[in-house]
Amino acid sequence: MIVVTGATGNIGRPLVRALVDAGEQVTAVSRRVGEVPDGVRHVVADLADPPSLEPALTGAKALFLLLSGDLHAVGANPADLIAKAVDAGVRRVVLLSTLGVATRPFGTTRIAMRELEDVLRESGLDWVILRPGGFDSNALWWAESVRAQGMVAAPFGDTGVPIVDPADIGEVAAACLRDDRHVGGVYELTGPEVITPRRQTEALAAALGKPVRFQELTRAEAKAGMVQSMPGELADDTLDILSSPTPAELRVSPDVERVLGRAPRSFADWAARNVAAFR
């Protein structure tokens, strides 16, 4: 049995599907009831309450650990989740970390994530750490304005990073959960190219088959929207990267192709698959 946290989200959905397609038994964990593939056990649990995860871990051999936004906040203790996995006899944990642990190690949220990585390394479990950069699916923040106004509003319109398709993250995670060759690996996951918000807007317009205009936000305007769904510290860290990416944050990593044997998907591919959200 493989347990997937965040199972109904942008990464969890393709991860669960990849595991099911590979013939694995899967327990899908999410905060609320959601749709899962036939044959998948679903458990409602809140990772901010580690004991609620215990029923899902019974009989599990591996765990994919994705932290919700509140577990990135100051004062959270996600290390308790790893302790629960150890107590339940789980043998492997694949942790979704962040590229910022390596590129900006002194940010508040990055320090906390690095500490969690270290807890996992010292847990006695088999482990794999995934460090993605920004996600293609962050473009869903623009869906309402695209539908209502034919507009994308974002900061730093001509500054880009190599954002990654969550489906690629899910498929990499599935390989790492199943294949012993990845144990002890730290994988940096990016898309195939640096792409700016303005170029993302053009890709969305192409997928929709109609014009979409771009409106540049100030940093303050962007943060005001982001803090509706994430801690302020995480919003600031994200905006720091988007405004002034370092050479390491601009690097296109080979790790998706190294694990999957194919190039990562482009943002245009993601937009074409998710165009219904913008109509």
C-alpha atoms as a PDB file:
ATOM      1  CA  MET A   1       0.000   0.000   0.000  1.00  0.00           C
ATOM      2  CA  ILE A   2       1.259   3.462  -0.940  1.00  0.00           C
ATOM      3  CA  VAL A   3      -0.202   6.509   0.823  1.00  0.00           C
ATOM      4  CA  VAL A   4      -0.497   9.773  -1.095  1.00  0.00           C
ATOM      5  CA  THR A   5      -1.178  12.984   0.829  1.00  0.00           C
ATOM      6  CA  GLY A   6      -2.653  15.926  -1.061  1.00  0.00           C
ATOM      7  CA  ALA A   7      -4.205  13.234  -3.251  1.00  0.00           C
ATOM      8  CA  THR A   8      -6.928  15.383  -4.827  1.00  0.00           C
ATOM      9  CA  GLY A   9      -4.621  18.281  -5.729  1.00  0.00           C
ATOM     10  CA  ASN A  10      -2.633  19.213  -8.812  1.00  0.00           C
ATOM     11  CA  ILE A  11       0.226  16.826  -7.994  1.00  0.00           C
ATOM     12  CA  GLY A  12      -1.705  14.184  -6.086  1.00  0.00           C
ATOM     13  CA  ARG A  13      -4.201  13.428  -8.850  1.00  0.00           C
ATOM     14  CA  PRO A  14      -1.646  12.459 -11.521  1.00  0.00           C
ATOM     15  CA  LEU A  15       0.460  10.681  -8.881  1.00  0.00           C
ATOM     16  CA  VAL A  16      -2.473   8.511  -7.762  1.00  0.00           C
ATOM     17  CA  ARG A  17      -3.319   7.748 -11.390  1.00  0.00           C
ATOM     18  CA  ALA A  18       0.283   6.775 -12.198  1.00  0.00           C
ATOM     19  CA  LEU A  19       0.402   4.430  -9.209  1.00  0.00           C
ATOM     20  CA  VAL A  20      -2.942   2.840 -10.057  1.00  0.00           C
ATOM     21  CA  ASP A  21      -1.866   2.365 -13.662  1.00  0.00           C
ATOM     22  CA  ALA A  22       1.270   0.637 -12.364  1.00  0.00           C
ATOM     23  CA  GLY A  23      -0.864  -1.820 -10.398  1.00  0.00           C
ATOM     24  CA  GLU A  24      -0.201  -0.419  -6.918  1.00  0.00           C
ATOM     25  CA  GLN A  25      -2.695  -0.352  -4.062  1.00  0.00           C
ATOM     26  CA  VAL A  26      -3.176   3.284  -3.065  1.00  0.00           C
ATOM     27  CA  THR A  27      -4.624   5.156  -0.101  1.00  0.00           C
ATOM     28  CA  ALA A  28      -5.516   8.718  -1.090  1.00  0.00           C
ATOM     29  CA  VAL A  29      -5.445  11.296   1.726  1.00  0.00           C
ATOM     30  CA  SER A  30      -7.031  14.737   1.548  1.00  0.00           C
ATOM     31  CA  ARG A  31      -8.643  17.245   3.902  1.00  0.00           C
ATOM     32  CA  ARG A  32     -12.022  16.876   2.263  1.00  0.00           C
ATOM     33  CA  VAL A  33     -13.862  14.174   0.394  1.00  0.00           C
ATOM     34  CA  GLY A  34     -12.899  14.168  -3.273  1.00  0.00           C
ATOM     35  CA  GLU A  35     -13.020  11.976  -6.344  1.00  0.00           C
ATOM     36  CA  VAL A  36     -10.413   9.227  -6.620  1.00  0.00           C
ATOM     37  CA  PRO A  37     -10.008   6.419  -9.178  1.00  0.00           C
ATOM     38  CA  ASP A  38     -11.944   3.195  -8.713  1.00  0.00           C
ATOM     39  CA  GLY A  39     -10.262   0.837  -6.281  1.00  0.00           C
ATOM     40  CA  VAL A  40      -8.434   3.603  -4.397  1.00  0.00           C
ATOM     41  CA  ARG A  41      -9.072   3.860  -0.670  1.00  0.00           C
ATOM     42  CA  HIS A  42      -9.801   7.424   0.428  1.00  0.00           C
ATOM     43  CA  VAL A  43      -9.094   8.754   3.920  1.00  0.00           C
ATOM     44  CA  VAL A  44      -9.987  12.256   5.090  1.00  0.00           C
ATOM     45  CA  ALA A  45      -7.219  13.644   7.312  1.00  0.00           C
ATOM     46  CA  ASP A  46      -5.729  17.019   8.193  1.00  0.00           C
ATOM     47  CA  LEU A  47      -1.922  16.927   8.254  1.00  0.00           C
ATOM     48  CA  ALA A  48      -1.956  19.810  10.720  1.00  0.00           C
ATOM     49  CA  ASP A  49      -3.373  17.161  13.110  1.00  0.00           C
ATOM     50  CA  PRO A  50      -0.811  14.320  12.742  1.00  0.00           C
ATOM     51  CA  PRO A  51      -2.858  11.697  14.657  1.00  0.00           C
ATOM     52  CA  SER A  52      -5.564  11.997  11.983  1.00  0.00           C
ATOM     53  CA  LEU A  53      -3.093  10.466   9.509  1.00  0.00           C
ATOM     54  CA  GLU A  54      -2.675   7.265  11.541  1.00  0.00           C
ATOM     55  CA  PRO A  55      -5.589   5.315   9.970  1.00  0.00           C
ATOM     56  CA  ALA A  56      -4.200   5.964   6.495  1.00  0.00           C
ATOM     57  CA  LEU A  57      -0.740   4.665   7.402  1.00  0.00           C
ATOM     58  CA  THR A  58      -1.874   1.251   8.644  1.00  0.00           C
ATOM     59  CA  GLY A  59      -0.217  -1.355   6.443  1.00  0.00           C
ATOM     60  CA  ALA A  60       1.536   1.224   4.252  1.00  0.00           C
ATOM     61  CA  LYS A  61       4.942   0.559   2.721  1.00  0.00           C
ATOM     62  CA  ALA A  62       5.520   4.058   1.333  1.00  0.00           C
ATOM     63  CA  LEU A  63       4.292   7.619   1.820  1.00  0.00           C
ATOM     64  CA  PHE A  64       4.261  10.649  -0.434  1.00  0.00           C
ATOM     65  CA  LEU A  65       4.368  13.675   1.852  1.00  0.00           C
ATOM     66  CA  LEU A  66       3.051  16.990   0.552  1.00  0.00           C
ATOM     67  CA  LEU A  67       2.653  19.767   3.117  1.00  0.00           C
ATOM     68  CA  SER A  68      -0.393  22.009   3.038  1.00  0.00           C
ATOM     69  CA  GLY A  69       0.150  25.763   3.250  1.00  0.00           C
ATOM     70  CA  ASP A  70      -0.399  26.031   7.005  1.00  0.00           C
ATOM     71  CA  LEU A  71       2.359  23.482   7.628  1.00  0.00           C
ATOM     72  CA  HIS A  72       4.804  25.964   6.085  1.00  0.00           C
ATOM     73  CA  ALA A  73       3.849  28.595   8.661  1.00  0.00           C
ATOM     74  CA  VAL A  74       6.012  29.595  11.608  1.00  0.00           C
ATOM     75  CA  GLY A  75       5.309  27.319  14.581  1.00  0.00           C
ATOM     76  CA  ALA A  76       4.151  24.303  12.554  1.00  0.00           C
ATOM     77  CA  ASN A  77       5.850  20.981  13.284  1.00  0.00           C
ATOM     78  CA  PRO A  78       5.583  18.720  10.223  1.00  0.00           C
ATOM     79  CA  ALA A  79       8.346  16.483  11.626  1.00  0.00           C
ATOM     80  CA  ASP A  80       5.556  14.838  13.629  1.00  0.00           C
ATOM     81  CA  LEU A  81       4.268  13.383  10.358  1.00  0.00           C
ATOM     82  CA  ILE A  82       7.552  11.593   9.734  1.00  0.00           C
ATOM     83  CA  ALA A  83       7.458  10.248  13.284  1.00  0.00           C
ATOM     84  CA  LYS A  84       3.968   8.871  12.579  1.00  0.00           C
ATOM     85  CA  ALA A  85       5.298   7.143   9.468  1.00  0.00           C
ATOM     86  CA  VAL A  86       8.121   5.555  11.449  1.00  0.00           C
ATOM     87  CA  ASP A  87       5.718   4.376  14.153  1.00  0.00           C
ATOM     88  CA  ALA A  88       3.404   2.847  11.529  1.00  0.00           C
ATOM     89  CA  GLY A  89       6.206   0.806   9.949  1.00  0.00           C
ATOM     90  CA  VAL A  90       6.332   2.754   6.693  1.00  0.00           C
ATOM     91  CA  ARG A  91       9.579   1.960   4.893  1.00  0.00           C
ATOM     92  CA  ARG A  92       9.896   4.840   2.406  1.00  0.00           C
ATOM     93  CA  VAL A  93       8.956   8.520   2.333  1.00  0.00           C
ATOM     94  CA  VAL A  94       9.095  10.701  -0.757  1.00  0.00           C
ATOM     95  CA  LEU A  95       9.037  14.327   0.417  1.00  0.00           C
ATOM     96  CA  LEU A  96       7.900  17.218  -1.747  1.00  0.00           C
ATOM     97  CA  SER A  97      10.348  19.952  -0.774  1.00  0.00           C
ATOM     98  CA  THR A  98      11.214  23.074  -2.759  1.00  0.00           C
ATOM     99  CA  LEU A  99      14.047  24.261  -4.976  1.00  0.00           C
ATOM    100  CA  GLY A 100      14.410  27.266  -2.674  1.00  0.00           C
ATOM    101  CA  VAL A 101      16.043  25.033  -0.041  1.00  0.00           C
ATOM    102  CA  ALA A 102      19.111  25.022  -2.285  1.00  0.00           C
ATOM    103  CA  THR A 103      18.810  28.406  -3.992  1.00  0.00           C
ATOM    104  CA  ARG A 104      17.661  30.587  -1.060  1.00  0.00           C
ATOM    105  CA  PRO A 105      18.539  28.611   2.061  1.00  0.00           C
ATOM    106  CA  PHE A 106      18.118  31.485   4.523  1.00  0.00           C
ATOM    107  CA  GLY A 107      14.450  32.332   3.956  1.00  0.00           C
ATOM    108  CA  THR A 108      12.166  31.464   6.878  1.00  0.00           C
ATOM    109  CA  THR A 109      10.143  28.857   5.013  1.00  0.00           C
ATOM    110  CA  ARG A 110      13.287  27.442   3.357  1.00  0.00           C
ATOM    111  CA  ILE A 111      15.014  26.955   6.703  1.00  0.00           C
ATOM    112  CA  ALA A 112      11.983  25.066   8.006  1.00  0.00           C
ATOM    113  CA  MET A 113      11.840  22.840   4.934  1.00  0.00           C
ATOM    114  CA  ARG A 114      15.548  22.082   5.093  1.00  0.00           C
ATOM    115  CA  GLU A 115      15.110  21.095   8.735  1.00  0.00           C
ATOM    116  CA  LEU A 116      12.331  18.725   7.673  1.00  0.00           C
ATOM    117  CA  GLU A 117      14.573  17.253   4.979  1.00  0.00           C
ATOM    118  CA  ASP A 118      17.203  16.622   7.662  1.00  0.00           C
ATOM    119  CA  VAL A 119      14.649  14.953   9.938  1.00  0.00           C
ATOM    120  CA  LEU A 120      13.742  12.621   7.083  1.00  0.00           C
ATOM    121  CA  ARG A 121      17.382  11.824   6.323  1.00  0.00           C
ATOM    122  CA  GLU A 122      17.978  10.920   9.954  1.00  0.00           C
ATOM    123  CA  SER A 123      14.731   8.956  10.408  1.00  0.00           C
ATOM    124  CA  GLY A 124      16.094   5.566   9.416  1.00  0.00           C
ATOM    125  CA  LEU A 125      13.574   5.381   6.553  1.00  0.00           C
ATOM    126  CA  ASP A 126      14.376   5.061   2.887  1.00  0.00           C
ATOM    127  CA  TRP A 127      13.884   8.542   1.504  1.00  0.00           C
ATOM    128  CA  VAL A 128      13.739  10.598  -1.663  1.00  0.00           C
ATOM    129  CA  ILE A 129      13.517  14.397  -1.775  1.00  0.00           C
ATOM    130  CA  LEU A 130      11.876  16.240  -4.665  1.00  0.00           C
ATOM    131  CA  ARG A 131      12.671  19.927  -5.095  1.00  0.00           C
ATOM    132  CA  PRO A 132      10.457  21.540  -7.734  1.00  0.00           C
ATOM    133  CA  GLY A 133      10.510  25.174  -8.675  1.00  0.00           C
ATOM    134  CA  GLY A 134       7.322  27.027  -9.610  1.00  0.00           C
ATOM    135  CA  PHE A 135       4.331  25.085 -10.955  1.00  0.00           C
ATOM    136  CA  ASP A 136       2.554  25.494 -14.302  1.00  0.00           C
ATOM    137  CA  SER A 137      -0.689  25.110 -12.356  1.00  0.00           C
ATOM    138  CA  ASN A 138      -0.084  28.393 -10.537  1.00  0.00           C
ATOM    139  CA  ALA A 139      -1.601  29.865 -13.697  1.00  0.00           C
ATOM    140  CA  LEU A 140      -4.969  28.720 -12.360  1.00  0.00           C
ATOM    141  CA  TRP A 141      -4.800  31.854 -10.189  1.00  0.00           C
ATOM    142  CA  TRP A 142      -5.591  33.679 -13.429  1.00  0.00           C
ATOM    143  CA  ALA A 143      -8.537  31.527 -14.482  1.00  0.00           C
ATOM    144  CA  GLU A 144     -11.288  33.786 -13.154  1.00  0.00           C
ATOM    145  CA  SER A 145      -9.880  36.944 -14.723  1.00  0.00           C
ATOM    146  CA  VAL A 146      -9.300  35.161 -18.030  1.00  0.00           C
ATOM    147  CA  ARG A 147     -12.886  33.891 -18.066  1.00  0.00           C
ATOM    148  CA  ALA A 148     -14.452  37.201 -16.992  1.00  0.00           C
ATOM    149  CA  GLN A 149     -12.162  39.778 -18.575  1.00  0.00           C
ATOM    150  CA  GLY A 150      -9.883  38.003 -21.047  1.00  0.00           C
ATOM    151  CA  MET A 151      -6.952  39.150 -18.902  1.00  0.00           C
ATOM    152  CA  VAL A 152      -3.984  37.768 -16.988  1.00  0.00           C
ATOM    153  CA  ALA A 153      -2.836  39.975 -14.087  1.00  0.00           C
ATOM    154  CA  ALA A 154       0.587  39.133 -12.643  1.00  0.00           C
ATOM    155  CA  PRO A 155       3.769  40.806 -11.398  1.00  0.00           C
ATOM    156  CA  PHE A 156       7.159  40.819 -13.140  1.00  0.00           C
ATOM    157  CA  GLY A 157       5.734  40.168 -16.607  1.00  0.00           C
ATOM    158  CA  ASP A 158       9.059  39.833 -18.414  1.00  0.00           C
ATOM    159  CA  THR A 159      10.973  37.880 -15.779  1.00  0.00           C
ATOM    160  CA  GLY A 160      10.708  34.121 -16.114  1.00  0.00           C
ATOM    161  CA  VAL A 161      11.699  30.835 -14.478  1.00  0.00           C
ATOM    162  CA  PRO A 162      11.495  27.227 -15.757  1.00  0.00           C
ATOM    163  CA  ILE A 163       8.159  26.280 -14.169  1.00  0.00           C
ATOM    164  CA  VAL A 164       7.230  22.590 -14.061  1.00  0.00           C
ATOM    165  CA  ASP A 165       4.079  20.641 -14.898  1.00  0.00           C
ATOM    166  CA  PRO A 166       2.571  19.073 -11.748  1.00  0.00           C
ATOM    167  CA  ALA A 167       1.868  15.943 -13.796  1.00  0.00           C
ATOM    168  CA  ASP A 168       5.618  15.536 -14.262  1.00  0.00           C
ATOM    169  CA  ILE A 169       6.141  15.927 -10.512  1.00  0.00           C
ATOM    170  CA  GLY A 170       3.492  13.261  -9.913  1.00  0.00           C
ATOM    171  CA  GLU A 171       5.074  10.832 -12.358  1.00  0.00           C
ATOM    172  CA  VAL A 172       8.532  11.389 -10.878  1.00  0.00           C
ATOM    173  CA  ALA A 173       7.095  10.801  -7.401  1.00  0.00           C
ATOM    174  CA  ALA A 174       5.465   7.570  -8.559  1.00  0.00           C
ATOM    175  CA  ALA A 175       8.791   6.302  -9.880  1.00  0.00           C
ATOM    176  CA  CYS A 176      10.548   7.233  -6.647  1.00  0.00           C
ATOM    177  CA  LEU A 177       7.905   5.519  -4.504  1.00  0.00           C
ATOM    178  CA  ARG A 178       8.257   2.276  -6.465  1.00  0.00           C
ATOM    179  CA  ASP A 179      11.876   2.038  -7.623  1.00  0.00           C
ATOM    180  CA  ASP A 180      14.710   1.338  -5.169  1.00  0.00           C
ATOM    181  CA  ARG A 181      17.214   2.983  -7.512  1.00  0.00           C
ATOM    182  CA  HIS A 182      15.965   6.402  -6.424  1.00  0.00           C
ATOM    183  CA  VAL A 183      16.456   5.915  -2.674  1.00  0.00           C
ATOM    184  CA  GLY A 184      18.679   8.652  -1.282  1.00  0.00           C
ATOM    185  CA  GLY A 185      18.097  10.849  -4.329  1.00  0.00           C
ATOM    186  CA  VAL A 186      17.523  14.598  -4.314  1.00  0.00           C
ATOM    187  CA  TYR A 187      15.886  15.679  -7.557  1.00  0.00           C
ATOM    188  CA  GLU A 188      15.435  19.250  -8.774  1.00  0.00           C
ATOM    189  CA  LEU A 189      12.354  19.395 -10.993  1.00  0.00           C
ATOM    190  CA  THR A 190      11.829  22.091 -13.622  1.00  0.00           C
ATOM    191  CA  GLY A 191      10.134  22.495 -16.945  1.00  0.00           C
ATOM    192  CA  PRO A 192      12.001  22.485 -20.278  1.00  0.00           C
ATOM    193  CA  GLU A 193      12.516  26.254 -20.602  1.00  0.00           C
ATOM    194  CA  VAL A 194      12.412  29.605 -18.861  1.00  0.00           C
ATOM    195  CA  ILE A 195       9.030  31.212 -19.498  1.00  0.00           C
ATOM    196  CA  THR A 196       7.731  34.630 -18.444  1.00  0.00           C
ATOM    197  CA  PRO A 197       4.170  35.488 -17.360  1.00  0.00           C
ATOM    198  CA  ARG A 198       3.735  37.419 -20.603  1.00  0.00           C
ATOM    199  CA  ARG A 199       4.667  34.336 -22.642  1.00  0.00           C
ATOM    200  CA  GLN A 200       2.407  32.177 -20.470  1.00  0.00           C
ATOM    201  CA  THR A 201      -0.411  34.562 -21.371  1.00  0.00           C
ATOM    202  CA  GLU A 202       0.371  34.035 -25.062  1.00  0.00           C
ATOM    203  CA  ALA A 203       0.271  30.253 -24.570  1.00  0.00           C
ATOM    204  CA  LEU A 204      -3.106  30.501 -22.854  1.00  0.00           C
ATOM    205  CA  ALA A 205      -4.420  32.644 -25.695  1.00  0.00           C
ATOM    206  CA  ALA A 206      -3.226  30.043 -28.210  1.00  0.00           C
ATOM    207  CA  ALA A 207      -4.914  27.238 -26.264  1.00  0.00           C
ATOM    208  CA  LEU A 208      -8.153  29.234 -26.043  1.00  0.00           C
ATOM    209  CA  GLY A 209      -8.046  30.383 -29.642  1.00  0.00           C
ATOM    210  CA  LYS A 210      -8.760  34.003 -28.674  1.00  0.00           C
ATOM    211  CA  PRO A 211      -6.825  37.041 -27.397  1.00  0.00           C
ATOM    212  CA  VAL A 212      -5.835  37.329 -23.748  1.00  0.00           C
ATOM    213  CA  ARG A 213      -4.254  40.578 -22.581  1.00  0.00           C
ATOM    214  CA  PHE A 214      -1.588  40.910 -19.909  1.00  0.00           C
ATOM    215  CA  GLN A 215      -1.760  43.406 -17.020  1.00  0.00           C
ATOM    216  CA  GLU A 216       1.248  43.855 -14.776  1.00  0.00           C
ATOM    217  CA  LEU A 217       0.647  43.953 -11.014  1.00  0.00           C
ATOM    218  CA  THR A 218       2.817  45.605  -8.411  1.00  0.00           C
ATOM    219  CA  ARG A 219       4.468  43.340  -5.881  1.00  0.00           C
ATOM    220  CA  ALA A 220       2.075  44.576  -3.172  1.00  0.00           C
ATOM    221  CA  GLU A 221      -0.967  43.818  -5.330  1.00  0.00           C
ATOM    222  CA  ALA A 222       0.323  40.336  -6.067  1.00  0.00           C
ATOM    223  CA  LYS A 223       1.025  39.577  -2.412  1.00  0.00           C
ATOM    224  CA  ALA A 224      -2.447  40.731  -1.381  1.00  0.00           C
ATOM    225  CA  GLY A 225      -3.905  38.023  -3.594  1.00  0.00           C
ATOM    226  CA  MET A 226      -1.436  35.304  -2.640  1.00  0.00           C
ATOM    227  CA  VAL A 227      -1.935  35.590   1.113  1.00  0.00           C
ATOM    228  CA  GLN A 228      -5.514  34.452   0.626  1.00  0.00           C
ATOM    229  CA  SER A 229      -4.143  30.924   0.141  1.00  0.00           C
ATOM    230  CA  MET A 230      -0.682  30.818   1.735  1.00  0.00           C
ATOM    231  CA  PRO A 231       1.270  32.268   4.693  1.00  0.00           C
ATOM    232  CA  GLY A 232       2.714  35.735   4.151  1.00  0.00           C
ATOM    233  CA  GLU A 233       6.287  34.448   4.579  1.00  0.00           C
ATOM    234  CA  LEU A 234       5.794  31.936   1.777  1.00  0.00           C
ATOM    235  CA  ALA A 235       4.250  34.608  -0.447  1.00  0.00           C
ATOM    236  CA  ASP A 236       7.258  36.873   0.128  1.00  0.00           C
ATOM    237  CA  ASP A 237       9.701  34.050  -0.596  1.00  0.00           C
ATOM    238  CA  THR A 238       7.857  33.238  -3.823  1.00  0.00           C
ATOM    239  CA  LEU A 239       7.777  36.872  -4.941  1.00  0.00           C
ATOM    240  CA  ASP A 240      11.491  37.235  -4.219  1.00  0.00           C
ATOM    241  CA  ILE A 241      12.175  34.414  -6.671  1.00  0.00           C
ATOM    242  CA  LEU A 242       9.758  35.663  -9.317  1.00  0.00           C
ATOM    243  CA  SER A 243      11.195  39.188  -9.225  1.00  0.00           C
ATOM    244  CA  SER A 244      14.906  38.348  -9.228  1.00  0.00           C
ATOM    245  CA  PRO A 245      15.663  34.691  -9.957  1.00  0.00           C
ATOM    246  CA  THR A 246      19.216  33.584  -9.291  1.00  0.00           C
ATOM    247  CA  PRO A 247      21.268  31.666 -11.899  1.00  0.00           C
ATOM    248  CA  ALA A 248      20.392  28.450 -10.034  1.00  0.00           C
ATOM    249  CA  GLU A 249      16.686  29.294 -10.268  1.00  0.00           C
ATOM    250  CA  LEU A 250      17.003  29.902 -14.015  1.00  0.00           C
ATOM    251  CA  ARG A 251      18.721  26.553 -14.600  1.00  0.00           C
ATOM    252  CA  VAL A 252      16.771  23.916 -16.518  1.00  0.00           C
ATOM    253  CA  SER A 253      17.329  20.719 -14.564  1.00  0.00           C
ATOM    254  CA  PRO A 254      17.854  17.346 -16.294  1.00  0.00           C
ATOM    255  CA  ASP A 255      16.235  15.437 -13.422  1.00  0.00           C
ATOM    256  CA  VAL A 256      12.725  14.944 -14.866  1.00  0.00           C
ATOM    257  CA  GLU A 257      14.258  13.356 -17.942  1.00  0.00           C
ATOM    258  CA  ARG A 258      16.746  11.426 -15.796  1.00  0.00           C
ATOM    259  CA  VAL A 259      13.910   9.766 -13.865  1.00  0.00           C
ATOM    260  CA  LEU A 260      11.232   9.442 -16.568  1.00  0.00           C
ATOM    261  CA  GLY A 261      13.351   8.947 -19.663  1.00  0.00           C
ATOM    262  CA  ARG A 262      11.651  11.809 -21.490  1.00  0.00           C
ATOM    263  CA  ALA A 263      11.794  15.584 -21.563  1.00  0.00           C
ATOM    264  CA  PRO A 264       9.534  17.543 -19.195  1.00  0.00           C
ATOM    265  CA  ARG A 265       6.265  18.856 -20.583  1.00  0.00           C
ATOM    266  CA  SER A 266       6.031  22.486 -21.679  1.00  0.00           C
ATOM    267  CA  PHE A 267       3.673  25.125 -20.289  1.00  0.00           C
ATOM    268  CA  ALA A 268       1.877  25.071 -23.645  1.00  0.00           C
ATOM    269  CA  ASP A 269       1.182  21.356 -23.096  1.00  0.00           C
ATOM    270  CA  TRP A 270      -0.211  22.119 -19.641  1.00  0.00           C
ATOM    271  CA  ALA A 271      -2.367  24.951 -21.000  1.00  0.00           C
ATOM    272  CA  ALA A 272      -3.829  22.742 -23.732  1.00  0.00           C
ATOM    273  CA  ARG A 273      -4.755  20.014 -21.210  1.00  0.00           C
ATOM    274  CA  ASN A 274      -6.285  22.500 -18.750  1.00  0.00           C
ATOM    275  CA  VAL A 275      -7.894  24.969 -21.124  1.00  0.00           C
ATOM    276  CA  ALA A 276     -11.403  24.197 -19.838  1.00  0.00           C
ATOM    277  CA  ALA A 277     -10.560  26.010 -16.574  1.00  0.00           C
ATOM    278  CA  PHE A 278     -10.080  29.253 -18.535  1.00  0.00           C
ATOM    279  CA  ARG A 279     -13.161  29.121 -20.760  1.00  0.00           C
END
